[in-house]
Amino acid sequence: MKSCFVRLVHLLWWGVAAKCLDYLVAAPVTFTQNLLIWTCYLMWALAVTLMTIACVHEWQTEDCNLSNKGGTA
């Protein structure tokens, strides 16, 4: 039963992917180009956000370790 469910999920996934690709192929070229440009901008913004979160987390961890050892930050 579990493998049937997994197969149905995969079938649904590839069906949605095929439908999206069909829609993008039928779309005007400028729309697709703009979508690609904005996707790149969003990926860049996400990378910057994640790097900022990682840096802040690292700084907080270092400060916490220093304060637990009796050092000053």
N, C-alpha and C. Protein backbone atom coordinates (compact mmCIF):
# COMPACT_ATOMS: atom_id res chain seq x y z
N MET A 1 0.84 -1.20 0.00
CA MET A 1 0.00 0.00 0.00
C MET A 1 0.87 1.25 0.00
N LYS A 2 1.96 1.20 0.78
CA LYS A 2 2.84 2.36 0.87
C LYS A 2 3.50 2.66 -0.48
N SER A 3 3.93 1.60 -1.19
CA SER A 3 4.58 1.81 -2.48
C SER A 3 3.60 2.37 -3.51
N CYS A 4 2.34 1.97 -3.41
CA CYS A 4 1.32 2.52 -4.32
C CYS A 4 1.15 4.01 -4.08
N PHE A 5 1.13 4.39 -2.81
CA PHE A 5 0.98 5.80 -2.47
C PHE A 5 2.17 6.60 -2.99
N VAL A 6 3.37 6.06 -2.82
CA VAL A 6 4.58 6.74 -3.29
C VAL A 6 4.54 6.88 -4.81
N ARG A 7 4.10 5.83 -5.50
CA ARG A 7 3.99 5.90 -6.96
C ARG A 7 2.98 6.95 -7.39
N LEU A 8 1.86 7.04 -6.67
CA LEU A 8 0.86 8.06 -7.00
C LEU A 8 1.40 9.46 -6.78
N VAL A 9 2.17 9.64 -5.72
CA VAL A 9 2.76 10.95 -5.45
C VAL A 9 3.74 11.31 -6.57
N HIS A 10 4.57 10.35 -6.98
CA HIS A 10 5.51 10.60 -8.08
C HIS A 10 4.77 10.92 -9.37
N LEU A 11 3.71 10.17 -9.64
CA LEU A 11 2.92 10.42 -10.84
C LEU A 11 2.32 11.82 -10.81
N LEU A 12 1.79 12.21 -9.66
CA LEU A 12 1.23 13.55 -9.53
C LEU A 12 2.31 14.61 -9.71
N TRP A 13 3.48 14.39 -9.11
CA TRP A 13 4.59 15.34 -9.23
C TRP A 13 4.99 15.54 -10.69
N TRP A 14 5.21 14.44 -11.41
CA TRP A 14 5.64 14.56 -12.80
C TRP A 14 4.53 15.11 -13.68
N GLY A 15 3.29 14.85 -13.33
CA GLY A 15 2.19 15.44 -14.08
C GLY A 15 2.15 16.96 -13.93
N VAL A 16 2.35 17.42 -12.71
CA VAL A 16 2.39 18.87 -12.46
C VAL A 16 3.60 19.49 -13.16
N ALA A 17 4.75 18.81 -13.10
CA ALA A 17 5.95 19.33 -13.77
C ALA A 17 5.73 19.42 -15.27
N ALA A 18 5.12 18.39 -15.87
CA ALA A 18 4.86 18.41 -17.31
C ALA A 18 3.89 19.53 -17.67
N LYS A 19 2.86 19.72 -16.85
CA LYS A 19 1.88 20.78 -17.12
C LYS A 19 2.54 22.15 -17.03
N CYS A 20 3.42 22.35 -16.03
CA CYS A 20 4.12 23.63 -15.90
C CYS A 20 5.04 23.87 -17.09
N LEU A 21 5.76 22.84 -17.51
CA LEU A 21 6.64 22.99 -18.67
C LEU A 21 5.84 23.28 -19.93
N ASP A 22 4.70 22.62 -20.08
CA ASP A 22 3.85 22.88 -21.23
C ASP A 22 3.37 24.33 -21.22
N TYR A 23 3.02 24.84 -20.05
CA TYR A 23 2.57 26.22 -19.93
C TYR A 23 3.70 27.19 -20.27
N LEU A 24 4.92 26.90 -19.78
CA LEU A 24 6.04 27.79 -20.04
C LEU A 24 6.46 27.79 -21.51
N VAL A 25 6.34 26.64 -22.17
CA VAL A 25 6.69 26.58 -23.58
C VAL A 25 5.69 27.39 -24.40
N ALA A 26 4.42 27.37 -23.98
CA ALA A 26 3.40 28.10 -24.70
C ALA A 26 3.41 29.59 -24.38
N ALA A 27 4.09 29.98 -23.32
CA ALA A 27 4.12 31.39 -22.91
C ALA A 27 5.02 32.19 -23.84
N PRO A 28 4.80 33.49 -23.93
CA PRO A 28 5.67 34.33 -24.74
C PRO A 28 7.11 34.30 -24.20
N VAL A 29 8.04 34.54 -25.08
CA VAL A 29 9.46 34.48 -24.71
C VAL A 29 9.79 35.52 -23.64
N THR A 30 9.24 36.72 -23.77
CA THR A 30 9.57 37.76 -22.80
C THR A 30 9.10 37.39 -21.40
N PHE A 31 7.93 36.73 -21.31
CA PHE A 31 7.44 36.29 -20.01
C PHE A 31 8.41 35.29 -19.39
N THR A 32 8.86 34.33 -20.19
CA THR A 32 9.79 33.32 -19.70
C THR A 32 11.11 33.94 -19.30
N GLN A 33 11.59 34.90 -20.07
CA GLN A 33 12.84 35.57 -19.73
C GLN A 33 12.70 36.35 -18.43
N ASN A 34 11.61 37.08 -18.29
CA ASN A 34 11.38 37.83 -17.05
C ASN A 34 11.24 36.90 -15.85
N LEU A 35 10.57 35.78 -16.06
CA LEU A 35 10.44 34.80 -14.98
C LEU A 35 11.81 34.27 -14.56
N LEU A 36 12.66 33.99 -15.52
CA LEU A 36 14.01 33.51 -15.22
C LEU A 36 14.83 34.56 -14.49
N ILE A 37 14.73 35.81 -14.92
CA ILE A 37 15.46 36.89 -14.26
C ILE A 37 15.00 37.05 -12.82
N TRP A 38 13.69 37.07 -12.59
CA TRP A 38 13.18 37.23 -11.23
C TRP A 38 13.50 36.01 -10.36
N THR A 39 13.52 34.84 -10.97
CA THR A 39 13.91 33.64 -10.23
C THR A 39 15.36 33.76 -9.76
N CYS A 40 16.23 34.26 -10.62
CA CYS A 40 17.63 34.46 -10.24
C CYS A 40 17.75 35.49 -9.12
N TYR A 41 16.99 36.58 -9.20
CA TYR A 41 17.01 37.58 -8.14
C TYR A 41 16.54 36.99 -6.81
N LEU A 42 15.47 36.20 -6.86
CA LEU A 42 14.94 35.60 -5.64
C LEU A 42 15.92 34.59 -5.05
N MET A 43 16.59 33.82 -5.91
CA MET A 43 17.59 32.87 -5.42
C MET A 43 18.74 33.61 -4.76
N TRP A 44 19.17 34.72 -5.35
CA TRP A 44 20.24 35.51 -4.76
C TRP A 44 19.81 36.06 -3.40
N ALA A 45 18.59 36.60 -3.33
CA ALA A 45 18.09 37.15 -2.07
C ALA A 45 17.97 36.06 -1.00
N LEU A 46 17.54 34.89 -1.40
CA LEU A 46 17.45 33.78 -0.46
C LEU A 46 18.83 33.37 0.04
N ALA A 47 19.81 33.35 -0.86
CA ALA A 47 21.18 33.00 -0.45
C ALA A 47 21.73 34.03 0.53
N VAL A 48 21.49 35.31 0.27
CA VAL A 48 21.95 36.36 1.19
C VAL A 48 21.28 36.21 2.55
N THR A 49 19.99 35.96 2.55
CA THR A 49 19.25 35.79 3.81
C THR A 49 19.78 34.60 4.61
N LEU A 50 19.97 33.48 3.93
CA LEU A 50 20.46 32.29 4.63
C LEU A 50 21.88 32.48 5.15
N MET A 51 22.73 33.16 4.37
CA MET A 51 24.09 33.42 4.84
C MET A 51 24.08 34.35 6.05
N THR A 52 23.20 35.34 6.05
CA THR A 52 23.08 36.25 7.19
C THR A 52 22.62 35.50 8.43
N ILE A 53 21.63 34.64 8.27
CA ILE A 53 21.14 33.85 9.40
C ILE A 53 22.25 32.95 9.93
N ALA A 54 23.01 32.33 9.03
CA ALA A 54 24.10 31.45 9.46
C ALA A 54 25.18 32.23 10.21
N CYS A 55 25.52 33.43 9.74
CA CYS A 55 26.53 34.25 10.41
C CYS A 55 26.06 34.68 11.79
N VAL A 56 24.83 35.14 11.89
CA VAL A 56 24.30 35.57 13.18
C VAL A 56 24.27 34.39 14.15
N HIS A 57 23.86 33.24 13.67
CA HIS A 57 23.84 32.05 14.53
C HIS A 57 25.25 31.70 15.00
N GLU A 58 26.22 31.78 14.10
CA GLU A 58 27.60 31.48 14.47
C GLU A 58 28.12 32.48 15.51
N TRP A 59 27.81 33.77 15.31
CA TRP A 59 28.25 34.79 16.27
C TRP A 59 27.62 34.55 17.64
N GLN A 60 26.32 34.22 17.65
CA GLN A 60 25.66 33.97 18.92
C GLN A 60 26.24 32.74 19.61
N THR A 61 26.57 31.72 18.84
CA THR A 61 27.17 30.52 19.42
C THR A 61 28.54 30.83 20.01
N GLU A 62 29.34 31.63 19.30
CA GLU A 62 30.66 32.01 19.81
C GLU A 62 30.52 32.84 21.09
N ASP A 63 29.59 33.79 21.10
CA ASP A 63 29.38 34.62 22.29
C ASP A 63 28.92 33.76 23.47
N CYS A 64 28.05 32.81 23.20
CA CYS A 64 27.56 31.93 24.25
C CYS A 64 28.69 31.07 24.80
N ASN A 65 29.53 30.56 23.91
CA ASN A 65 30.66 29.74 24.36
C ASN A 65 31.66 30.56 25.17
N LEU A 66 31.90 31.81 24.75
CA LEU A 66 32.82 32.67 25.50
C LEU A 66 32.26 33.01 26.87
N SER A 67 30.96 33.30 26.94
CA SER A 67 30.37 33.66 28.23
C SER A 67 30.32 32.45 29.16
N ASN A 68 30.16 31.25 28.62
CA ASN A 68 30.16 30.05 29.46
C ASN A 68 31.55 29.75 30.00
N LYS A 69 32.60 30.16 29.26
CA LYS A 69 33.97 29.93 29.70
C LYS A 69 34.49 31.05 30.58
N GLY A 70 33.71 32.10 30.73
CA GLY A 70 34.13 33.22 31.57
C GLY A 70 34.87 34.29 30.82
N GLY A 71 34.93 34.21 29.51
CA GLY A 71 35.61 35.22 28.70
C GLY A 71 34.69 36.38 28.41
N THR A 72 35.23 37.38 27.74
CA THR A 72 34.42 38.53 27.34
C THR A 72 34.29 38.53 25.84
N ALA A 73 33.17 38.99 25.39
CA ALA A 73 32.91 39.00 23.95
C ALA A 73 33.45 40.25 23.32
